[in-house]
Amino acid sequence: MAVTVRALVRVARIGALTLGGIGVLALYVLAIWRAPEFLVNRDLLIKAAPEQRLPAEHNARLIVISVGGALVVGTGLLYTARNYRLAHRGQVTERFTKALERLGSDELYVRIGGVHALEHVMRDSPEHHGDVVEVLVAFVRDRLPRSGTEAADETPWIHPPSGTDEPELPAEPPPDVLAALTALGNRPKQTKHNRASLNFRQLHVRGVQLIGAQFKNADLREADLQNANLNRADLQNANLTEANLQNAYLFSANLHRADLRRANLQNADLREANLRIAVLLRTDLQNAYLTEAKLQYAYLSEANVQNANLGGAKLQNANLRKADLQNADLGGAKLQNADLREANLQNADLREANLQNANLRGADLSLASLTAEQLRQAVLSEHTVLPEGLTRGPLGEIGEKNLS
């Protein structure tokens, strides 16, 4: 019964299309026949001589024929474009499916090929961008070793075995994981089709080469990126709380509004990096290179910036309250309106540093942490708030208060 109904529907559809085609053709023939009446003035046709009337009628009918031909060609082009889109979508879907099959292979080179195939799909088809990102993120998290904390969360022990240590993590990720990270880092800029987010919490990929990578809005909390090369990488709004970026290369990286609370950035190369409005609360920046870095409005309260190089850094309106800046190089740094209350500036180099309108009240003066000599080498203004142990003379000279 169902087959009979389906056949009747098909016959009815074919009949309707046939009748419709015959109707359109009849109207087209009628339009050609009556074209002179609509396109040429009727009075002129009646009064004109036959040798003038015939060419006029011919030209009118030719116009209708040309318009009909243009409509047929346009319809054919639209139909061809539709078929091309459908064929392209089918090809991309097939490529996506085959790439997924390769990711599950036991052979390393096959998995790497699958990653590259997905990367090509992501670039060729913006509609599949989010799908590919989701797959590659899941692949990376599945293939990488997990930290002891994460494993313990999944398989809790009532009585943990004694004498076991957390396994040592590899210095570099496996080649297939590195290929997936590279594909994600160098993916096209985010589009309206990209629904997936980069969730790499507790990722362990030391020493990876991800120059210019795109990790905007990525979740990299507690990630181990020690020695990673992220020069010119886009980490805008990224969550790097407690991340290990020791010895990482972040030259000219974009860390605008990034969350780096309690992150380890010892010896990191952050020259010319964009850290505007970044959160660096209690961040470890010992021996870090921050020359010419953009730190306007950054929150560096209680950060450890000992021995760091901040020469020429832009720290206008930055919050450095209670920050440890012992032996830091602040030569030529721009600290206008910066909050340096209770900061430790022992032996800090303030030559040519701009401290106009900065607040130094309560800065630690123990062990001569901030001396009059240091401030004499800096650029101050009448609104600069000096520490309690220092005073400004009638001509603006800085000296120590006479406590006797």
Protein backbone atom coordinates (compact mmCIF):
# COMPACT_ATOMS: atom_id res chain seq x y z
CA MET A 1 0.00 0.00 0.00
CA ALA A 2 2.79 2.40 0.90
CA VAL A 3 4.55 1.65 -2.39
CA THR A 4 1.35 2.39 -4.33
CA VAL A 5 0.84 5.73 -2.56
CA ARG A 6 4.47 6.68 -3.15
CA ALA A 7 4.13 5.82 -6.86
CA LEU A 8 0.94 7.88 -7.15
CA VAL A 9 2.63 10.86 -5.51
CA ARG A 10 5.56 10.56 -7.92
CA VAL A 11 3.23 10.37 -10.95
CA ALA A 12 1.25 13.37 -9.69
CA ARG A 13 4.46 15.35 -9.18
CA ILE A 14 5.72 14.53 -12.69
CA GLY A 15 2.32 15.44 -14.17
CA ALA A 16 2.27 18.77 -12.31
CA LEU A 17 5.78 19.63 -13.49
CA THR A 18 4.88 18.68 -17.06
CA LEU A 19 1.71 20.80 -17.04
CA GLY A 20 3.62 23.66 -15.45
CA GLY A 21 6.31 23.47 -18.13
CA ILE A 22 3.71 23.43 -20.90
CA GLY A 23 1.98 26.44 -19.33
CA VAL A 24 5.22 28.43 -19.07
CA LEU A 25 6.09 27.58 -22.68
CA ALA A 26 2.62 28.67 -23.85
CA LEU A 27 2.94 31.98 -22.02
CA TYR A 28 6.39 32.50 -23.50
CA VAL A 29 5.09 31.90 -27.07
CA LEU A 30 2.15 34.23 -26.38
CA ALA A 31 4.53 36.91 -25.11
CA ILE A 32 6.64 36.65 -28.28
CA TRP A 33 3.54 36.86 -30.48
CA ARG A 34 2.03 39.86 -28.65
CA ALA A 35 5.35 41.60 -27.95
CA PRO A 36 4.87 44.36 -30.65
CA GLU A 37 1.58 45.41 -29.03
CA PHE A 38 3.25 46.04 -25.66
CA LEU A 39 6.68 47.30 -26.72
CA VAL A 40 5.79 49.46 -29.77
CA ASN A 41 3.26 52.27 -29.95
CA ARG A 42 0.11 50.83 -31.58
CA ASP A 43 -0.71 54.03 -33.48
CA LEU A 44 2.77 54.05 -35.00
CA LEU A 45 2.38 50.45 -36.12
CA ILE A 46 -0.95 51.23 -37.83
CA LYS A 47 0.29 54.35 -39.60
CA ALA A 48 3.76 53.01 -40.49
CA ALA A 49 4.52 51.55 -43.87
CA PRO A 50 5.03 47.77 -44.11
CA GLU A 51 8.80 48.13 -44.64
CA GLN A 52 8.99 50.05 -41.31
CA ARG A 53 6.40 48.05 -39.34
CA LEU A 54 7.95 44.62 -39.94
CA PRO A 55 11.45 45.52 -38.56
CA ALA A 56 9.81 47.11 -35.49
CA GLU A 57 7.76 43.99 -34.78
CA HIS A 58 10.81 41.81 -35.33
CA ASN A 59 12.90 43.85 -32.88
CA ALA A 60 10.15 43.72 -30.23
CA ARG A 61 9.92 39.94 -30.48
CA LEU A 62 13.74 39.70 -30.39
CA ILE A 63 13.77 41.59 -27.09
CA VAL A 64 11.33 39.11 -25.52
CA ILE A 65 13.36 36.16 -26.85
CA SER A 66 16.56 37.67 -25.39
CA VAL A 67 14.94 38.21 -22.00
CA GLY A 68 13.64 34.64 -22.00
CA GLY A 69 17.08 33.30 -22.91
CA ALA A 70 18.68 35.33 -20.11
CA LEU A 71 16.18 33.91 -17.61
CA VAL A 72 16.92 30.37 -18.77
CA VAL A 73 20.68 30.94 -18.48
CA GLY A 74 20.30 32.54 -15.03
CA THR A 75 18.16 29.65 -13.81
CA GLY A 76 20.73 27.18 -15.12
CA LEU A 77 23.54 28.99 -13.32
CA LEU A 78 21.61 29.01 -10.05
CA TYR A 79 20.87 25.31 -10.41
CA THR A 80 24.55 24.61 -11.18
CA ALA A 81 25.67 26.66 -8.15
CA ARG A 82 23.23 24.77 -5.92
CA ASN A 83 24.50 21.43 -7.18
CA TYR A 84 28.09 22.57 -6.66
CA ARG A 85 27.39 23.59 -3.05
CA LEU A 86 25.69 20.28 -2.35
CA ALA A 87 28.54 18.34 -3.95
CA HIS A 88 31.15 20.39 -2.07
CA ARG A 89 29.34 19.84 1.22
CA GLY A 90 29.17 16.13 0.56
CA GLN A 91 32.88 16.01 -0.26
CA VAL A 92 33.79 17.93 2.91
CA THR A 93 31.60 15.66 5.02
CA GLU A 94 33.26 12.61 3.47
CA ARG A 95 36.72 14.07 4.14
CA PHE A 96 35.71 14.84 7.73
CA THR A 97 34.49 11.26 8.26
CA LYS A 98 37.65 9.70 6.80
CA ALA A 99 39.84 12.00 8.94
CA LEU A 100 37.97 10.87 12.07
CA GLU A 101 38.65 7.24 11.15
CA ARG A 102 42.36 8.01 10.83
CA LEU A 103 42.51 9.58 14.30
CA GLY A 104 41.52 6.24 15.80
CA SER A 105 44.32 4.34 14.05
CA ASP A 106 47.04 2.51 15.96
CA GLU A 107 49.67 3.84 13.54
CA LEU A 108 51.26 7.18 14.45
CA TYR A 109 51.69 8.40 10.88
CA VAL A 110 48.02 7.65 10.11
CA ARG A 111 46.89 9.74 13.11
CA ILE A 112 49.14 12.60 12.01
CA GLY A 113 47.61 12.37 8.54
CA GLY A 114 44.15 12.50 10.09
CA VAL A 115 45.06 15.67 12.00
CA HIS A 116 46.33 17.35 8.81
CA ALA A 117 43.19 16.25 6.96
CA LEU A 118 41.02 17.87 9.63
CA GLU A 119 43.12 21.02 9.43
CA HIS A 120 42.43 21.24 5.68
CA VAL A 121 38.72 20.70 6.31
CA MET A 122 38.75 23.51 8.88
CA ARG A 123 40.36 25.88 6.39
CA ASP A 124 38.26 24.87 3.37
CA SER A 125 34.89 24.88 5.12
CA PRO A 126 34.10 27.57 7.73
CA GLU A 127 30.88 25.69 8.51
CA HIS A 128 32.93 22.79 9.90
CA HIS A 129 35.32 25.03 11.86
CA GLY A 130 33.68 24.48 15.25
CA ASP A 131 33.27 20.74 14.67
CA VAL A 132 36.95 20.30 13.83
CA VAL A 133 38.04 22.34 16.85
CA GLU A 134 35.91 20.19 19.16
CA VAL A 135 37.38 16.99 17.71
CA LEU A 136 41.00 18.17 17.90
CA VAL A 137 40.62 19.45 21.47
CA ALA A 138 39.14 16.09 22.52
CA PHE A 139 41.97 14.29 20.68
CA VAL A 140 44.65 16.31 22.48
CA ARG A 141 43.12 15.79 25.91
CA ASP A 142 42.68 12.07 25.26
CA ARG A 143 46.22 11.45 23.99
CA LEU A 144 48.18 13.47 26.56
CA PRO A 145 49.21 12.11 29.96
CA ARG A 146 47.20 13.46 32.84
CA SER A 147 48.47 14.88 36.06
CA GLY A 148 48.22 12.91 39.26
CA THR A 149 45.60 15.32 40.58
CA GLU A 150 43.35 14.87 37.58
CA ALA A 151 43.71 11.09 37.62
CA ALA A 152 42.94 10.99 41.32
CA ASP A 153 39.74 12.93 40.72
CA GLU A 154 38.54 10.29 38.28
CA THR A 155 39.60 7.18 40.24
CA PRO A 156 39.63 8.08 43.94
CA TRP A 157 41.37 5.76 46.38
CA ILE A 158 39.87 5.01 49.76
CA HIS A 159 43.33 3.97 50.96
CA PRO A 160 45.96 5.43 48.61
CA PRO A 161 48.83 3.00 47.94
CA SER A 162 51.99 3.92 49.77
CA GLY A 163 55.33 4.43 48.07
CA THR A 164 53.87 5.54 44.70
CA ASP A 165 55.00 8.75 43.05
CA GLU A 166 53.41 10.74 40.29
CA PRO A 167 54.84 9.51 36.96
CA GLU A 168 57.29 11.88 35.32
CA LEU A 169 55.67 13.77 32.48
CA PRO A 170 57.38 13.76 29.06
CA ALA A 171 59.40 16.82 28.10
CA GLU A 172 57.62 17.06 24.73
CA PRO A 173 54.19 15.92 23.54
CA PRO A 174 53.81 12.99 21.10
CA PRO A 175 54.09 13.97 17.41
CA ASP A 176 50.37 13.48 16.74
CA VAL A 177 49.42 15.68 19.69
CA LEU A 178 51.94 18.31 18.60
CA ALA A 179 50.39 18.27 15.11
CA ALA A 180 46.92 18.75 16.62
CA LEU A 181 48.11 21.62 18.83
CA THR A 182 49.79 23.27 15.87
CA ALA A 183 46.61 22.94 13.80
CA LEU A 184 44.55 24.49 16.61
CA GLY A 185 47.07 27.22 17.27
CA ASN A 186 47.28 28.19 13.59
CA ARG A 187 43.58 27.80 12.83
CA PRO A 188 41.77 30.59 10.94
CA LYS A 189 40.44 33.46 12.98
CA GLN A 190 37.26 32.71 14.85
CA THR A 191 34.06 33.06 12.86
CA LYS A 192 30.37 32.85 13.60
CA HIS A 193 30.60 29.12 12.90
CA ASN A 194 33.17 28.52 15.65
CA ARG A 195 31.16 27.30 18.62
CA ALA A 196 33.96 25.36 20.31
CA SER A 197 36.23 26.74 23.01
CA LEU A 198 39.79 25.65 23.66
CA ASN A 199 39.65 23.88 27.00
CA PHE A 200 43.20 22.80 27.82
CA ARG A 201 43.10 22.81 31.59
CA GLN A 202 46.06 20.90 33.11
CA LEU A 203 47.63 20.50 29.69
CA HIS A 204 51.24 19.22 29.80
CA VAL A 205 53.11 20.22 26.65
CA ARG A 206 56.55 21.50 27.49
CA GLY A 207 58.74 23.03 24.81
CA VAL A 208 56.08 23.22 22.07
CA GLN A 209 56.60 25.54 19.09
CA LEU A 210 53.42 27.61 18.71
CA ILE A 211 54.63 30.87 17.20
CA GLY A 212 51.71 33.15 16.37
CA ALA A 213 49.20 30.65 17.76
CA GLN A 214 45.53 31.56 18.21
CA PHE A 215 44.53 30.77 21.81
CA LYS A 216 42.09 33.61 22.38
CA ASN A 217 39.68 32.90 25.28
CA ALA A 218 41.36 29.51 25.86
CA ASP A 219 41.11 27.76 29.23
CA LEU A 220 44.71 26.93 30.14
CA ARG A 221 44.40 26.80 33.90
CA GLU A 222 47.23 24.83 35.52
CA ALA A 223 48.69 24.09 32.08
CA ASP A 224 52.38 23.19 31.91
CA LEU A 225 53.85 25.24 29.05
CA GLN A 226 57.39 25.39 30.32
CA ASN A 227 59.88 26.42 27.59
CA ALA A 228 57.02 26.80 25.10
CA ASN A 229 57.57 29.16 22.18
CA LEU A 230 54.48 31.37 22.01
CA ASN A 231 56.04 34.39 20.35
CA ARG A 232 53.35 36.70 18.91
CA ALA A 233 50.66 34.27 20.11
CA ASP A 234 47.12 35.55 20.68
CA LEU A 235 46.20 34.71 24.29
CA GLN A 236 43.71 37.50 24.72
CA ASN A 237 41.27 36.82 27.58
CA ALA A 238 42.93 33.43 28.13
CA ASN A 239 42.66 31.85 31.59
CA LEU A 240 46.23 30.96 32.64
CA THR A 241 45.63 30.76 36.38
CA GLU A 242 48.46 28.80 38.06
CA ALA A 243 49.90 27.92 34.65
CA ASN A 244 53.58 27.00 34.39
CA LEU A 245 55.18 29.33 31.83
CA GLN A 246 58.68 29.14 33.21
CA ASN A 247 61.26 30.02 30.54
CA ALA A 248 58.44 30.46 28.03
CA TYR A 249 58.94 32.69 25.00
CA LEU A 250 56.11 35.22 24.78
CA PHE A 251 57.78 37.98 22.81
CA SER A 252 55.15 40.42 21.49
CA ALA A 253 52.37 38.05 22.60
CA ASN A 254 48.84 39.37 23.08
CA LEU A 255 47.82 38.75 26.71
CA HIS A 256 45.28 41.54 26.89
CA ARG A 257 42.91 40.90 29.82
CA ALA A 258 44.50 37.47 30.39
CA ASP A 259 44.15 35.92 33.86
CA LEU A 260 47.64 34.98 35.10
CA ARG A 261 46.97 34.75 38.82
CA ARG A 262 49.62 32.72 40.65
CA ALA A 263 51.16 31.70 37.32
CA ASN A 264 54.86 30.83 37.12
CA LEU A 265 56.58 33.18 34.65
CA GLN A 266 60.10 32.90 35.97
CA ASN A 267 62.66 33.79 33.28
CA ALA A 268 59.85 34.20 30.74
CA ASP A 269 60.49 36.41 27.72
CA LEU A 270 57.65 38.94 27.66
CA ARG A 271 59.37 41.71 25.74
CA GLU A 272 56.89 44.01 24.00
CA ALA A 273 54.04 41.76 25.14
CA ASN A 274 50.56 43.22 25.50
CA LEU A 275 49.51 42.72 29.13
CA ARG A 276 47.07 45.59 29.36
CA ILE A 277 44.43 45.03 32.06
CA ALA A 278 45.91 41.58 32.70
CA VAL A 279 45.49 40.03 36.16
CA LEU A 280 48.90 39.13 37.62
CA LEU A 281 47.93 38.78 41.28
CA ARG A 282 50.71 36.93 43.16
CA THR A 283 52.28 35.95 39.85
CA ASP A 284 55.91 34.85 39.92
CA LEU A 285 57.85 37.08 37.49
CA GLN A 286 61.32 36.57 38.91
CA ASN A 287 64.02 37.32 36.31
CA ALA A 288 61.37 37.82 33.63
CA TYR A 289 62.11 40.06 30.65
CA LEU A 290 59.40 42.72 30.36
CA THR A 291 61.22 45.44 28.47
CA GLU A 292 58.85 47.68 26.50
CA ALA A 293 55.92 45.51 27.68
CA LYS A 294 52.46 47.11 27.78
CA LEU A 295 51.14 46.81 31.34
CA GLN A 296 48.73 49.71 31.53
CA TYR A 297 46.04 49.10 34.16
CA ALA A 298 47.53 45.64 34.88
CA TYR A 299 46.90 44.19 38.35
CA LEU A 300 50.27 43.17 39.83
CA SER A 301 49.39 43.29 43.49
CA GLU A 302 51.68 41.04 45.61
CA ALA A 303 53.45 39.85 42.46
CA ASN A 304 57.06 38.64 42.75
CA VAL A 305 59.00 40.79 40.27
CA GLN A 306 62.45 40.36 41.79
CA ASN A 307 65.35 40.90 39.37
CA ALA A 308 62.91 41.38 36.49
CA ASN A 309 63.81 43.67 33.61
CA LEU A 310 61.07 46.26 33.16
CA GLY A 311 63.16 48.78 31.23
CA GLY A 312 60.87 51.07 29.24
CA ALA A 313 57.77 49.13 30.28
CA LYS A 314 54.46 50.98 30.16
CA LEU A 315 52.95 50.68 33.64
CA GLN A 316 50.62 53.67 33.68
CA ASN A 317 47.79 53.21 36.19
CA ALA A 318 49.10 49.74 37.07
CA ASN A 319 48.40 48.30 40.52
CA LEU A 320 51.73 47.27 42.07
CA ARG A 321 50.60 47.40 45.67
CA LYS A 322 52.69 45.13 47.90
CA ALA A 323 54.61 43.90 44.85
CA ASP A 324 58.17 42.70 45.44
CA LEU A 325 60.38 44.70 43.05
CA GLN A 326 63.73 44.02 44.70
CA ASN A 327 66.61 44.55 42.26
CA ALA A 328 64.14 45.09 39.42
CA ASP A 329 65.27 47.21 36.47
CA LEU A 330 62.70 49.98 36.05
CA GLY A 331 64.96 52.26 34.04
CA GLY A 332 62.85 54.44 31.76
CA ALA A 333 59.65 52.70 32.85
CA LYS A 334 56.45 54.73 32.63
CA LEU A 335 54.76 54.56 36.03
CA GLN A 336 52.44 57.54 35.89
CA ASN A 337 49.51 57.15 38.30
CA ALA A 338 50.81 53.72 39.31
CA ASP A 339 49.90 52.40 42.77
CA LEU A 340 53.15 51.41 44.50
CA ARG A 341 51.90 51.53 48.07
CA GLU A 342 53.75 49.10 50.36
CA ALA A 343 55.82 47.86 47.42
CA ASN A 344 59.34 46.61 48.06
CA LEU A 345 61.72 48.63 45.86
CA GLN A 346 64.97 47.63 47.51
CA ASN A 347 67.86 48.27 45.09
CA ALA A 348 65.42 48.80 42.24
CA ASP A 349 66.83 50.79 39.31
CA LEU A 350 64.59 53.85 38.84
CA ARG A 351 66.82 55.86 36.52
CA GLU A 352 64.69 58.00 34.23
CA ALA A 353 61.58 56.16 35.40
CA ASN A 354 58.47 58.34 35.15
CA LEU A 355 56.73 58.39 38.54
CA GLN A 356 54.49 61.38 37.95
CA ASN A 357 51.39 61.17 40.15
CA ALA A 358 52.47 57.72 41.35
CA ASN A 359 51.56 56.69 44.90
CA LEU A 360 54.60 55.52 46.89
CA ARG A 361 53.06 55.92 50.32
CA GLY A 362 54.00 53.08 52.62
CA ALA A 363 56.70 51.74 50.30
CA ASP A 364 59.08 49.60 52.32
CA LEU A 365 62.04 51.70 53.52
CA SER A 366 63.67 48.96 55.54
CA LEU A 367 67.21 48.16 54.47
CA ALA A 368 67.06 51.33 52.34
CA SER A 369 64.65 49.67 49.98
CA LEU A 370 63.71 53.03 48.45
CA THR A 371 66.21 55.80 48.95
CA ALA A 372 66.24 59.48 48.11
CA GLU A 373 69.06 58.78 45.65
CA GLN A 374 66.87 56.35 43.71
CA LEU A 375 64.07 58.88 43.40
CA ARG A 376 66.44 61.67 42.39
CA GLN A 377 67.14 59.66 39.24
CA ALA A 378 63.43 59.29 38.46
CA VAL A 379 60.97 61.74 36.94
CA LEU A 380 58.54 62.96 39.60
CA SER A 381 55.75 65.51 39.77
CA GLU A 382 54.35 67.59 42.58
CA HIS A 383 51.51 65.08 42.86
CA THR A 384 53.80 62.08 43.36
CA VAL A 385 53.07 60.68 46.83
CA LEU A 386 56.42 59.99 48.53
CA PRO A 387 57.10 57.38 51.21
CA GLU A 388 56.91 58.54 54.81
CA GLY A 389 60.71 58.55 55.19
CA LEU A 390 61.35 60.96 52.33
CA THR A 391 60.46 64.60 51.83
CA ARG A 392 60.40 67.14 49.00
CA GLY A 393 62.31 70.40 49.39
CA PRO A 394 61.15 73.88 48.35
CA LEU A 395 62.70 73.41 44.90
CA GLY A 396 61.36 69.89 44.51
CA GLU A 397 64.54 68.15 45.61
CA ILE A 398 64.12 64.77 47.33
CA GLY A 399 65.71 64.16 50.70
CA GLU A 400 65.34 62.08 53.82
CA LYS A 401 63.34 63.37 56.74
CA ASN A 402 65.28 64.45 59.80
CA LEU A 403 63.94 62.17 62.50
CA SER A 404 66.24 63.49 65.25
